[in-house]
């Protein structure tokens, strides 16, 4: 047999060999399929992580409101105009990020965003963990108070740019939180991501205040349409969520049981699906406190409705194997549950009239009404 004849079978087998090697390499690098147990653990953990910041952030918002009223601090609340414009601004920001990720290298964009969120994350962690870490500091460490002030103008025209009081224990807390931030900055580990994300969510629910129910309903309704459009109408939301390497989402691996802490097949939940309903639920808790009934009925009902909405989102996503706009399920439940309860209990008009911080004109009007009623009572007595 000639050398040419012997070489022909070998040449014919080369493509098949290459194909087998390629297939083997692909299988070696493929993600581990999610088991039912792994998926249940992942989605259950996401639900718990979504409920925790809403619960604690809501009660912290009540304390924050009381502190504002006690100190006479100027209150910044979201107006109806802000709520109406928010979905438009969010849409522009989302599409802008999509364009940026499409045109420029993801590595450089994420480097810039990660640096920005590193500083925000460290401050958010410090605000959340300060009471805990300060309580763990040994008594042998001296406690010193500091007050940082930066102002412009004089006397009546004096305005504070920075007016911040802190202690030596707060500095220790800041150091610990910086270490956690550096861990995220270097490793991008999912645990570090979740710590920062939870801190962002708790701060958001605590500090972002809706002043009344109408503003909250307007905000939720606008973002209801926003979420549906950008998830079902385009691939923009999903693309940005997967490309954006910053702690703006909570993640949990579905293959944790198989690969341990090095797992990489993640289920995710955006912080917007936590904070936006969360600030509305926090408003209802403050409304509960204003009723002075010794119960948090509206908060508990809406909190339960939020949980049902999350479970519906996960169920539909699992059935249809497609990303779901969580607000599609959360908004109707979070608006419908307290509204139905208020109608049943006869509190609907009271709920609509409630405001965290009534305007000065309304305050003056209320005082005038009280004065008029006192005058009428005095006349009747005479």
Protein backbone atom coordinates (compact mmCIF):
# COMPACT_ATOMS: atom_id res chain seq x y z
CA UNK A 1 0.00 0.00 0.00
CA UNK A 2 1.30 3.44 -0.93
CA UNK A 3 2.01 6.15 1.63
CA UNK A 4 -0.72 8.31 0.06
CA UNK A 5 -3.31 5.56 0.57
CA UNK A 6 -2.28 5.07 4.19
CA UNK A 7 -2.52 8.84 4.90
CA UNK A 8 -6.06 9.21 3.56
CA UNK A 9 -7.88 7.56 6.56
CA UNK A 10 -5.76 9.59 8.97
CA UNK A 11 -6.62 12.85 7.20
CA UNK A 12 -10.32 11.93 7.22
CA UNK A 13 -10.23 11.27 10.96
CA UNK A 14 -8.65 14.63 11.86
CA UNK A 15 -11.88 16.70 11.68
CA UNK A 16 -13.68 14.12 13.82
CA UNK A 17 -10.89 14.19 16.40
CA UNK A 18 -10.93 17.99 16.50
CA UNK A 19 -14.72 17.94 16.91
CA UNK A 20 -14.50 15.48 19.80
CA UNK A 21 -11.82 17.53 21.55
CA UNK A 22 -13.86 20.73 21.13
CA UNK A 23 -16.98 19.05 22.48
CA UNK A 24 -15.06 17.70 25.47
CA UNK A 25 -13.63 21.14 26.23
CA UNK A 26 -17.07 22.70 26.01
CA UNK A 27 -18.49 20.11 28.37
CA UNK A 28 -15.62 20.68 30.79
CA UNK A 29 -16.28 24.44 30.98
CA UNK A 30 -20.10 24.22 30.94
CA UNK A 31 -21.99 25.27 34.04
CA UNK A 32 -23.19 22.58 36.40
CA UNK A 33 -26.92 22.03 35.80
CA UNK A 34 -29.09 23.37 38.60
CA UNK A 35 -30.66 20.72 40.79
CA UNK A 36 -34.14 21.21 42.32
CA UNK A 37 -32.51 21.47 45.75
CA UNK A 38 -30.00 24.06 44.52
CA UNK A 39 -32.71 26.16 42.89
CA UNK A 40 -34.91 25.99 45.99
CA UNK A 41 -31.98 27.10 48.16
CA UNK A 42 -31.08 29.95 45.78
CA UNK A 43 -34.59 31.38 45.38
CA UNK A 44 -35.42 30.86 49.05
CA UNK A 45 -32.29 32.78 50.02
CA UNK A 46 -33.15 35.61 47.60
CA UNK A 47 -36.63 35.89 49.14
CA UNK A 48 -35.19 36.09 52.66
CA UNK A 49 -32.61 38.67 51.54
CA UNK A 50 -35.39 40.74 49.94
CA UNK A 51 -37.58 40.67 53.06
CA UNK A 52 -34.83 41.55 55.55
CA UNK A 53 -34.03 45.09 54.28
CA UNK A 54 -37.72 45.96 53.89
CA UNK A 55 -38.50 44.83 57.44
CA UNK A 56 -35.57 46.51 59.19
CA UNK A 57 -35.48 49.51 56.85
CA UNK A 58 -39.17 50.23 57.52
CA UNK A 59 -38.72 50.35 61.29
CA UNK A 60 -35.55 52.40 60.89
CA UNK A 61 -37.55 54.84 58.73
CA UNK A 62 -39.98 55.39 61.63
CA UNK A 63 -37.08 56.22 63.93
CA UNK A 64 -35.55 58.48 61.26
CA UNK A 65 -38.86 60.34 60.88
CA UNK A 66 -39.10 60.87 64.63
CA UNK A 67 -35.54 62.21 64.75
CA UNK A 68 -36.29 64.64 61.93
CA UNK A 69 -39.34 66.00 63.72
CA UNK A 70 -37.49 66.24 67.05
CA UNK A 71 -34.52 68.15 65.62
CA UNK A 72 -36.51 70.25 63.15
CA UNK A 73 -34.30 68.97 60.34
CA UNK A 74 -35.26 69.99 56.83
CA UNK A 75 -37.09 67.07 55.26
CA UNK A 76 -36.52 65.92 51.69
CA UNK A 77 -39.41 63.83 50.41
CA UNK A 78 -40.38 62.68 46.95
CA UNK A 79 -43.05 64.89 45.38
CA UNK A 80 -45.70 63.79 42.89
CA UNK A 81 -43.71 65.45 40.12
CA UNK A 82 -40.60 63.50 41.15
CA UNK A 83 -42.60 60.27 41.15
CA UNK A 84 -44.00 60.97 37.67
CA UNK A 85 -40.57 61.79 36.25
CA UNK A 86 -38.74 58.91 37.91
CA UNK A 87 -39.63 56.19 35.33
CA UNK A 88 -38.53 58.48 32.50
CA UNK A 89 -35.22 59.30 34.18
CA UNK A 90 -34.67 55.63 34.99
CA UNK A 91 -35.39 54.68 31.37
CA UNK A 92 -32.85 57.19 30.07
CA UNK A 93 -30.24 55.95 32.54
CA UNK A 94 -30.92 52.30 31.69
CA UNK A 95 -30.74 52.83 27.93
CA UNK A 96 -27.63 54.99 28.35
CA UNK A 97 -25.89 52.15 30.19
CA UNK A 98 -26.98 49.73 27.48
CA UNK A 99 -25.45 51.94 24.77
CA UNK A 100 -22.25 52.40 26.78
CA UNK A 101 -21.86 48.65 27.32
CA UNK A 102 -22.50 48.06 23.62
CA UNK A 103 -19.93 50.57 22.40
CA UNK A 104 -17.16 50.47 25.00
CA UNK A 105 -15.28 47.69 26.73
CA UNK A 106 -17.17 46.26 29.70
CA UNK A 107 -13.97 45.93 31.73
CA UNK A 108 -13.23 49.67 31.79
CA UNK A 109 -16.84 50.70 32.39
CA UNK A 110 -17.21 48.24 35.25
CA UNK A 111 -13.91 49.40 36.74
CA UNK A 112 -15.25 52.95 36.93
CA UNK A 113 -18.62 51.86 38.29
CA UNK A 114 -17.05 49.51 40.82
CA UNK A 115 -14.85 52.31 42.19
CA UNK A 116 -17.89 54.57 42.55
CA UNK A 117 -20.01 51.94 44.28
CA UNK A 118 -17.08 50.98 46.52
CA UNK A 119 -17.21 54.37 48.29
CA UNK A 120 -21.01 54.37 48.43
CA UNK A 121 -21.00 50.80 49.71
CA UNK A 122 -18.52 51.47 52.51
CA UNK A 123 -20.60 54.43 53.74
CA UNK A 124 -23.82 52.41 53.51
CA UNK A 125 -22.28 49.51 55.43
CA UNK A 126 -21.02 51.93 58.10
CA UNK A 127 -24.48 53.44 58.54
CA UNK A 128 -26.10 50.01 58.93
CA UNK A 129 -23.47 48.27 61.06
CA UNK A 130 -22.39 51.19 63.25
CA UNK A 131 -24.70 50.32 66.19
CA UNK A 132 -23.61 46.66 66.04
CA UNK A 133 -19.86 47.16 65.68
CA UNK A 134 -19.79 50.02 68.20
CA UNK A 135 -21.37 47.69 70.74
CA UNK A 136 -18.65 45.10 70.15
CA UNK A 137 -15.72 47.50 70.63
CA UNK A 138 -13.89 46.72 73.93
CA UNK A 139 -14.33 49.26 76.72
CA UNK A 140 -10.55 49.59 76.85
CA UNK A 141 -10.71 51.52 73.57
CA UNK A 142 -11.17 55.23 74.42
CA UNK A 143 -14.38 56.85 73.24
CA UNK A 144 -13.84 60.26 71.64
CA UNK A 145 -16.39 62.52 69.94
CA UNK A 146 -15.69 64.53 66.78
CA UNK A 147 -17.70 67.06 64.81
CA UNK A 148 -16.84 67.88 61.21
CA UNK A 149 -18.29 71.17 59.94
CA UNK A 150 -17.94 73.04 56.67
CA UNK A 151 -20.12 76.08 56.09
CA UNK A 152 -20.43 79.14 53.88
CA UNK A 153 -21.79 82.59 54.70
CA UNK A 154 -22.17 84.21 58.11
CA UNK A 155 -24.87 84.57 60.77
CA UNK A 156 -28.35 84.42 59.21
CA UNK A 157 -26.93 83.53 55.78
CA UNK A 158 -24.79 80.74 57.16
CA UNK A 159 -25.34 77.41 55.39
CA UNK A 160 -23.75 74.10 56.35
CA UNK A 161 -22.21 72.12 53.52
CA UNK A 162 -20.96 69.43 55.91
CA UNK A 163 -22.27 69.03 59.45
CA UNK A 164 -21.38 65.55 60.67
CA UNK A 165 -20.85 64.26 64.19
CA UNK A 166 -19.05 60.94 64.77
CA UNK A 167 -17.01 59.07 67.37
CA UNK A 168 -13.85 57.01 67.56
CA UNK A 169 -16.06 53.90 67.55
CA UNK A 170 -17.56 55.05 64.26
CA UNK A 171 -14.04 55.24 62.81
CA UNK A 172 -13.43 51.62 63.85
CA UNK A 173 -16.70 50.66 62.16
CA UNK A 174 -15.60 52.54 59.03
CA UNK A 175 -12.31 50.60 59.02
CA UNK A 176 -14.11 47.24 59.26
CA UNK A 177 -16.52 48.20 56.48
CA UNK A 178 -13.62 49.38 54.30
CA UNK A 179 -12.05 45.94 54.63
CA UNK A 180 -15.33 44.39 53.42
CA UNK A 181 -15.41 46.89 50.56
CA UNK A 182 -11.85 46.06 49.54
CA UNK A 183 -12.76 42.36 49.57
CA UNK A 184 -15.53 43.08 47.08
CA UNK A 185 -13.28 45.38 45.05
CA UNK A 186 -10.60 42.69 44.63
CA UNK A 187 -12.54 39.42 44.55
CA UNK A 188 -16.03 40.47 43.41
CA UNK A 189 -17.26 37.60 45.57
CA UNK A 190 -21.01 37.08 45.67
CA UNK A 191 -21.09 37.20 49.48
CA UNK A 192 -19.39 40.63 49.49
CA UNK A 193 -21.76 41.76 46.72
CA UNK A 194 -24.76 40.77 48.83
CA UNK A 195 -23.44 42.53 51.95
CA UNK A 196 -23.12 45.78 50.00
CA UNK A 197 -26.44 45.25 48.24
CA UNK A 198 -28.28 44.65 51.52
CA UNK A 199 -26.71 47.78 52.99
CA UNK A 200 -27.86 49.82 49.96
CA UNK A 201 -31.38 48.40 50.26
CA UNK A 202 -31.72 49.05 54.01
CA UNK A 203 -30.48 52.62 53.61
CA UNK A 204 -32.80 53.18 50.67
CA UNK A 205 -35.90 52.00 52.53
CA UNK A 206 -34.90 53.98 55.63
CA UNK A 207 -33.91 57.29 54.06
CA UNK A 208 -36.02 57.60 50.87
CA UNK A 209 -39.35 58.91 52.09
CA UNK A 210 -42.63 59.09 50.24
CA UNK A 211 -44.75 61.80 51.82
CA UNK A 212 -48.17 60.37 51.03
CA UNK A 213 -50.00 57.39 49.52
CA UNK A 214 -50.84 59.15 46.25
CA UNK A 215 -47.17 59.81 45.50
CA UNK A 216 -46.31 56.20 46.32
CA UNK A 217 -49.08 54.87 44.06
CA UNK A 218 -47.95 57.14 41.21
CA UNK A 219 -44.34 55.97 41.58
CA UNK A 220 -45.28 52.28 41.67
CA UNK A 221 -47.64 52.61 38.70
CA UNK A 222 -44.99 54.35 36.60
CA UNK A 223 -42.33 51.77 37.40
CA UNK A 224 -44.87 49.00 36.76
CA UNK A 225 -45.01 50.12 33.10
CA UNK A 226 -41.24 50.76 33.03
CA UNK A 227 -40.39 47.26 34.22
CA UNK A 228 -42.75 45.50 31.81
CA UNK A 229 -41.53 47.48 28.79
CA UNK A 230 -37.81 47.04 29.39
CA UNK A 231 -38.04 43.32 30.22
CA UNK A 232 -40.66 42.09 27.75
CA UNK A 233 -40.31 44.74 25.06
CA UNK A 234 -36.52 44.69 24.71
CA UNK A 235 -33.43 42.84 25.91
CA UNK A 236 -32.02 46.02 27.44
CA UNK A 237 -32.83 45.28 31.10
CA UNK A 238 -31.46 41.73 31.04
CA UNK A 239 -28.33 42.77 29.11
CA UNK A 240 -27.49 45.58 31.52
CA UNK A 241 -28.20 43.39 34.57
CA UNK A 242 -25.79 40.72 33.33
CA UNK A 243 -23.10 43.21 32.23
CA UNK A 244 -23.25 45.57 35.21
CA UNK A 245 -20.69 44.42 37.79
CA UNK A 246 -21.80 46.45 40.79
CA UNK A 247 -23.75 45.60 43.94
CA UNK A 248 -27.09 46.76 42.53
CA UNK A 249 -28.54 43.26 42.68
CA UNK A 250 -28.66 40.38 45.13
CA UNK A 251 -27.33 37.08 43.81
CA UNK A 252 -27.24 33.52 45.10
CA UNK A 253 -25.68 30.49 43.36
CA UNK A 254 -27.94 27.68 42.23
CA UNK A 255 -24.98 25.28 42.21
CA UNK A 256 -23.82 26.02 45.76
CA UNK A 257 -24.44 22.44 46.89
CA UNK A 258 -22.26 21.10 44.08
CA UNK A 259 -19.43 23.66 43.93
CA UNK A 260 -19.48 25.32 47.35
CA UNK A 261 -18.34 28.92 47.73
CA UNK A 262 -16.84 28.87 44.20
CA UNK A 263 -20.28 28.39 42.62
CA UNK A 264 -20.99 30.59 39.60
CA UNK A 265 -24.51 29.82 38.30
CA UNK A 266 -26.43 32.68 39.90
CA UNK A 267 -30.06 33.59 40.39
CA UNK A 268 -30.49 37.33 40.85
CA UNK A 269 -32.92 39.96 42.11
CA UNK A 270 -32.48 43.67 41.40
CA UNK A 271 -32.36 46.12 44.29
CA UNK A 272 -35.07 48.19 42.60
CA UNK A 273 -37.51 45.32 43.15
CA UNK A 274 -36.75 45.62 46.87
CA UNK A 275 -36.29 49.34 47.50
CA UNK A 276 -39.21 50.70 45.43
CA UNK A 277 -41.93 48.55 47.06
CA UNK A 278 -39.97 48.83 50.32
CA UNK A 279 -40.29 52.61 50.61
CA UNK A 280 -44.04 52.27 50.04
CA UNK A 281 -44.33 49.56 52.72
CA UNK A 282 -42.28 51.76 55.08
CA UNK A 283 -44.76 54.61 54.46
CA UNK A 284 -47.60 52.30 55.49
CA UNK A 285 -45.75 51.43 58.71
CA UNK A 286 -45.49 55.14 59.52
CA UNK A 287 -49.22 55.45 58.71
CA UNK A 288 -49.89 52.60 61.16
CA UNK A 289 -47.99 54.50 63.86
CA UNK A 290 -49.98 57.67 63.14
CA UNK A 291 -53.22 55.78 63.86
CA UNK A 292 -52.03 54.95 67.42
CA UNK A 293 -53.86 51.62 67.46
CA UNK A 294 -50.98 49.60 68.85
CA UNK A 295 -50.81 47.39 65.74
CA UNK A 296 -49.09 47.50 62.38
CA UNK A 297 -51.97 46.05 60.36
CA UNK A 298 -51.30 47.85 57.08
CA UNK A 299 -47.57 47.13 57.24
CA UNK A 300 -48.08 43.42 57.97
CA UNK A 301 -50.70 43.03 55.24
CA UNK A 302 -48.62 44.72 52.55
CA UNK A 303 -45.46 42.94 53.71
CA UNK A 304 -47.27 39.62 53.24
CA UNK A 305 -48.55 40.77 49.84
CA UNK A 306 -44.98 41.58 48.80
CA UNK A 307 -43.92 38.03 49.76
CA UNK A 308 -46.75 36.56 47.67
CA UNK A 309 -45.68 38.74 44.72
CA UNK A 310 -42.09 37.48 44.95
CA UNK A 311 -43.27 33.86 45.04
CA UNK A 312 -45.45 34.49 41.97
CA UNK A 313 -42.51 36.05 40.12
CA UNK A 314 -40.26 33.05 40.81
CA UNK A 315 -42.99 30.55 39.92
CA UNK A 316 -43.77 32.17 36.55
CA UNK A 317 -40.06 32.57 35.78
CA UNK A 318 -39.46 28.90 36.53
CA UNK A 319 -42.42 27.75 34.40
CA UNK A 320 -41.71 29.93 31.34
CA UNK A 321 -37.88 29.91 31.65
CA UNK A 322 -37.73 33.65 30.99
CA UNK A 323 -36.73 36.66 33.10
CA UNK A 324 -39.77 38.30 34.67
CA UNK A 325 -40.40 41.95 35.61
CA UNK A 326 -40.94 41.50 39.35
CA UNK A 327 -42.92 44.74 39.62
CA UNK A 328 -45.54 43.21 37.31
CA UNK A 329 -46.60 41.06 40.26
CA UNK A 330 -45.46 43.21 43.19
CA UNK A 331 -47.16 46.50 42.31
CA UNK A 332 -50.78 45.26 42.03
CA UNK A 333 -50.45 43.32 45.28
CA UNK A 334 -48.67 46.09 47.21
CA UNK A 335 -51.28 48.65 46.11
CA UNK A 336 -54.31 46.39 46.20
CA UNK A 337 -53.80 44.79 49.62
CA UNK A 338 -53.72 47.99 51.74
CA UNK A 339 -56.46 49.60 49.64
CA UNK A 340 -58.83 46.67 50.19
CA UNK A 341 -57.96 46.60 53.89
CA UNK A 342 -58.58 50.35 54.21
CA UNK A 343 -61.99 50.01 52.51
CA UNK A 344 -62.96 47.18 54.86
CA UNK A 345 -61.79 49.03 57.99
CA UNK A 346 -63.19 52.40 56.87
CA UNK A 347 -59.75 54.06 56.80
CA UNK A 348 -59.55 54.79 53.08
CA UNK A 349 -60.08 58.56 53.29
CA UNK A 350 -57.79 58.77 56.34
CA UNK A 351 -55.08 56.89 54.45
CA UNK A 352 -55.35 59.21 51.45
CA UNK A 353 -55.11 62.29 53.67
CA UNK A 354 -52.12 61.03 55.64
CA UNK A 355 -48.83 62.87 55.14
CA UNK A 356 -45.53 62.22 56.86
CA UNK A 357 -44.61 65.90 56.86
CA UNK A 358 -47.54 68.27 56.21
CA UNK A 359 -46.61 71.49 54.45
CA UNK A 360 -46.50 74.76 56.36
CA UNK A 361 -49.66 75.97 54.64
CA UNK A 362 -51.51 72.83 55.68
CA UNK A 363 -50.17 73.18 59.21
CA UNK A 364 -51.40 76.77 59.34
CA UNK A 365 -54.77 75.69 57.96
CA UNK A 366 -55.06 72.99 60.57
CA UNK A 367 -54.25 75.46 63.36
CA UNK A 368 -56.87 77.88 62.02
CA UNK A 369 -59.46 75.11 61.95
CA UNK A 370 -58.65 74.23 65.55
CA UNK A 371 -58.92 77.88 66.59
CA UNK A 372 -62.28 78.26 64.82
CA UNK A 373 -63.64 75.13 66.47
CA UNK A 374 -62.55 76.43 69.90
CA UNK A 375 -64.28 79.76 69.25
CA UNK A 376 -67.49 77.97 68.27
CA UNK A 377 -67.35 75.85 71.44
CA UNK A 378 -66.81 78.97 73.55
CA UNK A 379 -69.82 80.68 71.96
CA UNK A 380 -71.99 77.65 72.63
CA UNK A 381 -70.93 77.62 76.27
CA UNK A 382 -71.88 81.30 76.60
